[in-house]
Amino acid sequence: MKFDQLKISTEVLKILYDQKKVAESWNIARADGHTDRFGIAGGDEIETWELGLPRFGNQFPSICYAYGISLETLQSEFPQIFSAKYHYDHVKGPDWPTYENFVLKNYKDIDKEILEEILDQNRWDWYKIEKVQKDFYQGNYNQYFLDIKIDSLIHFINEHRRRLPKKILEIGGGRGEIANLFKKLGASCVSIDPGQYSDVLYEYTGKLFFGEEFDPARTLSIDLEAFTEKFDLNQFNTIVFCESIEHCSESGFWAFWQKLKSTFSGLVIIVNWIYYHPIPVMFPEHIFEINDTVYDHLVNESKRCVYRNHSHLVLEL
């Protein structure tokens, strides 16, 4: 589906095409009187979204965690997304060293001209192997692989799931990738996003991913503090923050957490780009510093830490 196949206002189209600030859609008043105006939560990797895919660095892992699927299982199933070795093996010539030897910089018996050829592959940055490994681990390259379709992700979830989320609360849904994928999977998901255009974006995303006949997920245009005050949390057994916790006010999050501890039983999933940790305060976009001190506190007040890996945190309350 192309952009011109849906009737969307010129103003919204401008937002969708804006790579630097996908939208200035949240308007959250802070205690100091300033307004937090930032791009849609989850506004990164617009190229991936245009392909009709969730981001593999954070969005799809958060869905996997909700179904009891580990990141390691996801990575092993999609090496073209996560594995630097997979791509090295597909571009290397017959006289190149193995990937293992290349990582160790073991170039014994490698012809000088061959070695120069290897190190000249600047577009792959093979000489920066640590950076490459991290980039693939985060899923930074998933937008380039057109052979992966959304149907294969749904099949993967159904094949590997070890848990069924009863009802999901997603906080900061952005364009609606996660909410729409949950709905396609048959899960009940309440997604909140106080963005000015969130209803349009959720509808667009649902149809972009699953076709014109799909009934898209809806969003509640409400912020976390208002939701905490007005709604019962015991109706949910899964809560997802995907690239959104740092956009919440610190006081608003801790008030939400206190209510969670007394009324909620289930999984709390907090996910960002896996190596994007800690996340500093960067006004106006990030208004809550997320670091190991925050994560340690959450772990200590939880029943069990299911998984923790840099920015990825899955807790059982």
Protein backbone atom coordinates (compact mmCIF):
# COMPACT_ATOMS: atom_id res chain seq x y z
CA MET A 1 0.00 0.00 0.00
CA LYS A 2 1.28 3.47 -0.90
CA PHE A 3 0.64 6.67 0.97
CA ASP A 4 -1.69 8.02 -1.72
CA GLN A 5 -3.99 5.01 -1.39
CA LEU A 6 -5.49 6.36 1.82
CA LYS A 7 -7.25 9.66 2.24
CA ILE A 8 -5.05 11.42 4.76
CA SER A 9 -4.83 15.16 5.22
CA THR A 10 -1.83 17.04 3.85
CA GLU A 11 -0.92 18.00 7.40
CA VAL A 12 -0.76 14.37 8.52
CA LEU A 13 1.15 13.33 5.39
CA LYS A 14 3.75 15.95 6.23
CA ILE A 15 4.08 14.37 9.66
CA LEU A 16 4.41 10.88 8.21
CA TYR A 17 7.20 11.93 5.86
CA ASP A 18 9.14 13.97 8.39
CA GLN A 19 12.19 11.86 9.18
CA LYS A 20 13.59 14.09 11.91
CA LYS A 21 10.41 14.57 13.93
CA VAL A 22 7.90 12.03 12.79
CA ALA A 23 5.30 14.01 14.69
CA GLU A 24 5.09 16.61 17.39
CA SER A 25 2.03 14.96 18.70
CA TRP A 26 2.31 14.68 22.48
CA ASN A 27 1.69 17.77 24.57
CA ILE A 28 2.51 16.96 28.17
CA ALA A 29 2.65 19.85 30.62
CA ARG A 30 5.54 19.56 33.07
CA ALA A 31 5.72 20.96 36.56
CA ASP A 32 8.05 23.73 35.36
CA GLY A 33 5.36 25.01 33.02
CA HIS A 34 7.10 23.88 29.84
CA THR A 35 5.54 21.51 27.36
CA ASP A 36 7.06 18.24 26.24
CA ARG A 37 6.53 18.29 22.49
CA PHE A 38 8.23 15.35 20.90
CA GLY A 39 7.93 12.99 17.98
CA ILE A 40 5.51 10.12 18.25
CA ALA A 41 6.72 7.62 20.81
CA GLY A 42 8.27 4.93 18.68
CA GLY A 43 8.81 7.33 15.78
CA ASP A 44 12.19 5.90 14.78
CA GLU A 45 12.88 3.61 11.84
CA ILE A 46 10.15 4.96 9.60
CA GLU A 47 11.62 2.89 6.75
CA THR A 48 10.77 -0.31 8.59
CA TRP A 49 7.22 0.87 9.18
CA GLU A 50 6.83 1.69 5.48
CA LEU A 51 7.58 -1.98 4.75
CA GLY A 52 4.69 -3.00 6.98
CA LEU A 53 6.91 -4.37 9.76
CA PRO A 54 7.41 -3.63 13.44
CA ARG A 55 10.93 -2.70 14.52
CA PHE A 56 13.03 -5.73 15.41
CA GLY A 57 15.17 -3.81 17.88
CA ASN A 58 12.37 -3.14 20.34
CA GLN A 59 8.76 -3.45 19.10
CA PHE A 60 8.77 -7.09 18.04
CA PRO A 61 10.80 -8.24 21.07
CA SER A 62 8.23 -6.58 23.36
CA ILE A 63 5.49 -8.62 21.67
CA CYS A 64 7.61 -11.77 21.98
CA TYR A 65 8.09 -11.20 25.71
CA ALA A 66 4.33 -10.85 26.12
CA TYR A 67 3.96 -14.33 24.62
CA GLY A 68 6.80 -15.82 26.66
CA ILE A 69 9.29 -15.93 23.76
CA SER A 70 12.93 -15.11 24.48
CA LEU A 71 15.06 -12.65 22.54
CA GLU A 72 17.51 -15.47 21.83
CA THR A 73 14.76 -17.51 20.15
CA LEU A 74 13.81 -14.50 18.04
CA GLN A 75 17.40 -13.86 17.02
CA SER A 76 18.03 -17.48 16.04
CA GLU A 77 14.88 -17.53 13.90
CA PHE A 78 15.79 -14.36 11.97
CA PRO A 79 19.58 -14.36 11.46
CA GLN A 80 19.24 -12.00 8.49
CA ILE A 81 18.08 -9.41 11.00
CA PHE A 82 20.29 -10.04 14.00
CA SER A 83 23.42 -11.84 12.87
CA ALA A 84 26.54 -10.09 11.62
CA LYS A 85 27.97 -13.55 10.92
CA TYR A 86 25.06 -14.34 8.62
CA HIS A 87 25.86 -11.34 6.45
CA TYR A 88 29.62 -11.81 6.57
CA ASP A 89 29.17 -15.37 5.33
CA HIS A 90 26.98 -14.11 2.48
CA VAL A 91 29.43 -11.44 1.25
CA LYS A 92 32.79 -13.06 1.90
CA GLY A 93 34.86 -14.41 -0.92
CA PRO A 94 36.21 -17.99 -1.09
CA ASP A 95 39.64 -16.97 0.23
CA TRP A 96 38.42 -14.83 3.09
CA PRO A 97 38.90 -15.95 6.69
CA THR A 98 36.02 -17.49 8.59
CA TYR A 99 33.86 -15.08 10.56
CA GLU A 100 35.31 -16.46 13.80
CA ASN A 101 38.87 -15.79 12.61
CA PHE A 102 37.89 -12.38 11.36
CA VAL A 103 36.47 -11.41 14.76
CA LEU A 104 39.72 -12.57 16.36
CA LYS A 105 41.70 -10.74 13.63
CA ASN A 106 43.39 -14.00 12.83
CA TYR A 107 44.57 -13.31 9.29
CA LYS A 108 47.18 -16.06 9.15
CA ASP A 109 47.79 -17.34 5.63
CA ILE A 110 45.45 -14.69 4.16
CA ASP A 111 46.87 -13.05 1.05
CA LYS A 112 47.63 -9.36 1.51
CA GLU A 113 45.44 -8.36 -1.44
CA ILE A 114 42.55 -10.41 -0.06
CA LEU A 115 42.94 -8.75 3.32
CA GLU A 116 42.88 -5.31 1.73
CA GLU A 117 39.72 -6.33 -0.11
CA ILE A 118 38.07 -7.38 3.14
CA LEU A 119 38.97 -4.22 4.99
CA ASP A 120 37.86 -2.11 2.04
CA GLN A 121 34.24 -3.21 2.43
CA ASN A 122 33.45 0.12 4.04
CA ARG A 123 29.75 -0.14 3.45
CA TRP A 124 29.69 -3.09 5.85
CA ASP A 125 32.06 -1.53 8.40
CA TRP A 126 33.59 -4.96 8.94
CA TYR A 127 36.68 -3.42 10.47
CA LYS A 128 34.43 -2.07 13.27
CA ILE A 129 33.24 -5.52 14.22
CA GLU A 130 32.04 -4.61 17.72
CA LYS A 131 29.82 -1.86 16.32
CA VAL A 132 28.53 -4.18 13.60
CA GLN A 133 27.63 -6.87 16.10
CA LYS A 134 25.73 -4.37 18.24
CA ASP A 135 23.95 -2.91 15.21
CA PHE A 136 22.69 -6.29 14.10
CA TYR A 137 21.83 -7.25 17.66
CA GLN A 138 19.59 -4.21 17.90
CA GLY A 139 17.95 -4.95 14.58
CA ASN A 140 19.24 -1.78 12.97
CA TYR A 141 19.25 -3.32 9.50
CA ASN A 142 15.83 -4.96 9.36
CA GLN A 143 14.39 -2.35 7.00
CA TYR A 144 16.61 -3.61 4.17
CA PHE A 145 15.36 -7.19 4.00
CA LEU A 146 12.25 -7.33 1.92
CA ASP A 147 11.92 -11.12 2.14
CA ILE A 148 10.51 -10.86 5.67
CA LYS A 149 6.77 -10.32 5.73
CA ILE A 150 4.41 -9.64 8.60
CA ASP A 151 2.77 -13.06 8.12
CA SER A 152 6.04 -14.77 8.99
CA LEU A 153 6.18 -12.85 12.26
CA ILE A 154 2.65 -13.91 13.16
CA HIS A 155 3.54 -17.52 12.36
CA PHE A 156 6.65 -17.22 14.54
CA ILE A 157 4.60 -15.99 17.51
CA ASN A 158 2.00 -18.73 17.13
CA GLU A 159 4.70 -21.38 16.73
CA HIS A 160 6.85 -20.39 19.71
CA ARG A 161 4.50 -18.80 22.24
CA ARG A 162 4.68 -20.10 25.79
CA ARG A 163 2.21 -17.67 27.30
CA LEU A 164 -1.10 -16.06 26.30
CA PRO A 165 -1.58 -12.48 27.46
CA LYS A 166 -5.12 -12.10 28.82
CA LYS A 167 -5.39 -8.36 28.32
CA ILE A 168 -2.61 -5.95 27.42
CA LEU A 169 -2.04 -2.32 28.31
CA GLU A 170 0.37 -0.59 25.93
CA ILE A 171 1.65 2.79 27.08
CA GLY A 172 2.80 5.13 24.34
CA GLY A 173 1.69 3.36 21.18
CA GLY A 174 3.02 5.91 18.67
CA ARG A 175 1.98 4.81 15.20
CA GLY A 176 0.17 1.74 16.51
CA GLU A 177 2.44 -1.03 15.25
CA ILE A 178 2.30 -3.03 18.48
CA ALA A 179 -1.42 -2.54 19.12
CA ASN A 180 -2.34 -3.58 15.59
CA LEU A 181 -0.11 -6.65 15.70
CA PHE A 182 -1.61 -7.69 19.04
CA LYS A 183 -5.07 -7.31 17.53
CA LYS A 184 -4.10 -9.40 14.49
CA LEU A 185 -2.88 -12.08 16.90
CA GLY A 186 -6.29 -12.05 18.56
CA ALA A 187 -5.16 -10.45 21.81
CA SER A 188 -7.12 -7.79 23.67
CA CYS A 189 -5.02 -4.63 23.89
CA VAL A 190 -5.76 -1.20 25.29
CA SER A 191 -3.25 1.24 23.84
CA ILE A 192 -2.90 4.77 25.16
CA ASP A 193 -1.24 7.63 23.33
CA PRO A 194 -2.25 11.26 23.84
CA GLY A 195 -0.95 12.19 20.41
CA GLN A 196 -2.98 14.62 18.36
CA TYR A 197 -2.92 12.30 15.34
CA SER A 198 -2.70 8.93 17.04
CA ASP A 199 -6.16 7.80 15.88
CA VAL A 200 -5.27 8.48 12.25
CA LEU A 201 -1.85 6.85 12.58
CA TYR A 202 -3.23 3.69 14.23
CA GLU A 203 -5.76 3.32 11.43
CA TYR A 204 -3.15 3.91 8.76
CA THR A 205 -0.72 1.45 10.31
CA GLY A 206 -3.35 -1.28 10.64
CA LYS A 207 -4.26 -1.05 6.98
CA LEU A 208 -0.63 -0.67 5.89
CA PHE A 209 0.29 -3.87 7.73
CA PHE A 210 -2.78 -6.01 7.12
CA GLY A 211 -4.74 -4.55 4.22
CA GLU A 212 -7.82 -2.47 3.66
CA GLU A 213 -10.19 -5.08 5.10
CA PHE A 214 -8.46 -5.10 8.49
CA ASP A 215 -10.26 -3.31 11.32
CA PRO A 216 -7.42 -1.32 12.92
CA ALA A 217 -6.65 -1.08 16.60
CA ARG A 218 -7.90 2.03 18.37
CA THR A 219 -6.11 4.29 20.80
CA LEU A 220 -7.18 6.07 23.94
CA SER A 221 -5.97 9.64 23.68
CA ILE A 222 -4.93 9.97 27.30
CA ASP A 223 -1.65 10.34 29.15
CA LEU A 224 -0.32 7.96 31.78
CA GLU A 225 -1.23 10.08 34.79
CA ALA A 226 -4.85 10.50 33.73
CA PHE A 227 -5.10 6.79 32.90
CA THR A 228 -3.72 5.87 36.32
CA GLU A 229 -6.38 7.95 38.03
CA LYS A 230 -9.36 6.81 35.99
CA PHE A 231 -8.84 3.12 35.16
CA ASP A 232 -8.45 -0.12 37.08
CA LEU A 233 -5.20 -1.94 36.39
CA ASN A 234 -6.31 -5.33 37.66
CA GLN A 235 -8.10 -5.97 34.34
CA PHE A 236 -4.70 -6.43 32.65
CA ASN A 237 -2.07 -9.12 32.95
CA THR A 238 0.49 -7.60 30.56
CA ILE A 239 1.81 -4.03 30.41
CA VAL A 240 4.15 -2.81 27.68
CA PHE A 241 6.34 0.28 27.59
CA CYS A 242 8.11 0.24 24.22
CA GLU A 243 10.39 3.22 23.67
CA SER A 244 8.08 5.27 25.87
CA ILE A 245 9.05 5.20 29.56
CA GLU A 246 11.63 7.97 29.11
CA HIS A 247 8.86 10.19 27.70
CA CYS A 248 6.73 9.83 30.85
CA SER A 249 7.05 12.28 33.70
CA GLU A 250 9.02 10.75 36.56
CA SER A 251 6.31 11.51 39.12
CA GLY A 252 3.63 10.14 36.78
CA PHE A 253 5.49 6.87 36.26
CA TRP A 254 6.13 6.27 39.96
CA ALA A 255 2.50 6.98 40.80
CA PHE A 256 1.55 4.43 38.16
CA TRP A 257 4.07 1.94 39.58
CA GLN A 258 2.72 2.30 43.11
CA LYS A 259 -0.79 1.54 41.88
CA LEU A 260 0.56 -1.41 39.88
CA LYS A 261 2.11 -2.96 42.96
CA SER A 262 -1.21 -3.03 44.78
CA THR A 263 -3.62 -3.89 41.97
CA PHE A 264 -1.78 -5.68 39.16
CA SER A 265 -0.64 -9.26 38.65
CA GLY A 266 1.27 -10.17 35.50
CA LEU A 267 4.17 -9.04 33.32
CA VAL A 268 5.57 -5.53 32.96
CA ILE A 269 7.68 -5.19 29.82
CA ILE A 270 10.00 -2.18 29.37
CA VAL A 271 11.91 -2.10 26.10
CA ASN A 272 14.03 0.31 24.08
CA TRP A 273 16.88 -0.19 21.64
CA ILE A 274 18.76 -2.79 23.59
CA TYR A 275 22.03 -0.85 23.88
CA TYR A 276 20.28 2.47 24.40
CA HIS A 277 20.83 2.31 28.14
CA PRO A 278 21.03 4.41 30.18
CA ILE A 279 18.77 7.03 28.59
CA PRO A 280 19.57 10.57 29.73
CA VAL A 281 17.12 13.41 30.13
CA MET A 282 17.07 15.34 26.87
CA PHE A 283 14.46 18.08 26.88
CA PRO A 284 11.99 18.30 25.40
CA GLU A 285 11.86 14.67 24.23
CA HIS A 286 13.10 12.69 27.23
CA ILE A 287 11.89 13.88 30.62
CA PHE A 288 12.70 10.82 32.79
CA GLU A 289 16.24 9.47 33.12
CA ILE A 290 16.19 5.69 32.74
CA ASN A 291 19.23 3.93 34.16
CA ASP A 292 20.28 0.93 36.23
CA THR A 293 19.22 2.67 39.43
CA VAL A 294 15.65 2.84 38.10
CA TYR A 295 15.81 -0.76 36.87
CA ASP A 296 17.30 -2.02 40.14
CA HIS A 297 14.47 -0.38 42.06
CA LEU A 298 11.85 -1.95 39.79
CA VAL A 299 13.48 -5.37 40.09
CA ASN A 300 13.70 -5.14 43.87
CA GLU A 301 10.00 -4.31 44.13
CA SER A 302 8.90 -7.09 41.77
CA LYS A 303 8.03 -10.70 42.43
CA ARG A 304 10.54 -11.87 39.83
CA CYS A 305 12.85 -10.52 37.15
CA VAL A 306 12.04 -12.63 34.10
CA TYR A 307 14.64 -11.05 31.81
CA ARG A 308 17.09 -8.15 31.94
CA ASN A 309 19.49 -7.21 29.19
CA HIS A 310 20.63 -3.59 28.91
CA SER A 311 17.40 -1.66 28.16
CA HIS A 312 15.20 -4.77 27.98
CA LEU A 313 13.45 -5.50 31.26
CA VAL A 314 10.66 -8.03 31.87
CA LEU A 315 9.23 -8.19 35.38
CA GLU A 316 6.59 -10.33 37.04
CA LEU A 317 4.43 -8.66 39.65
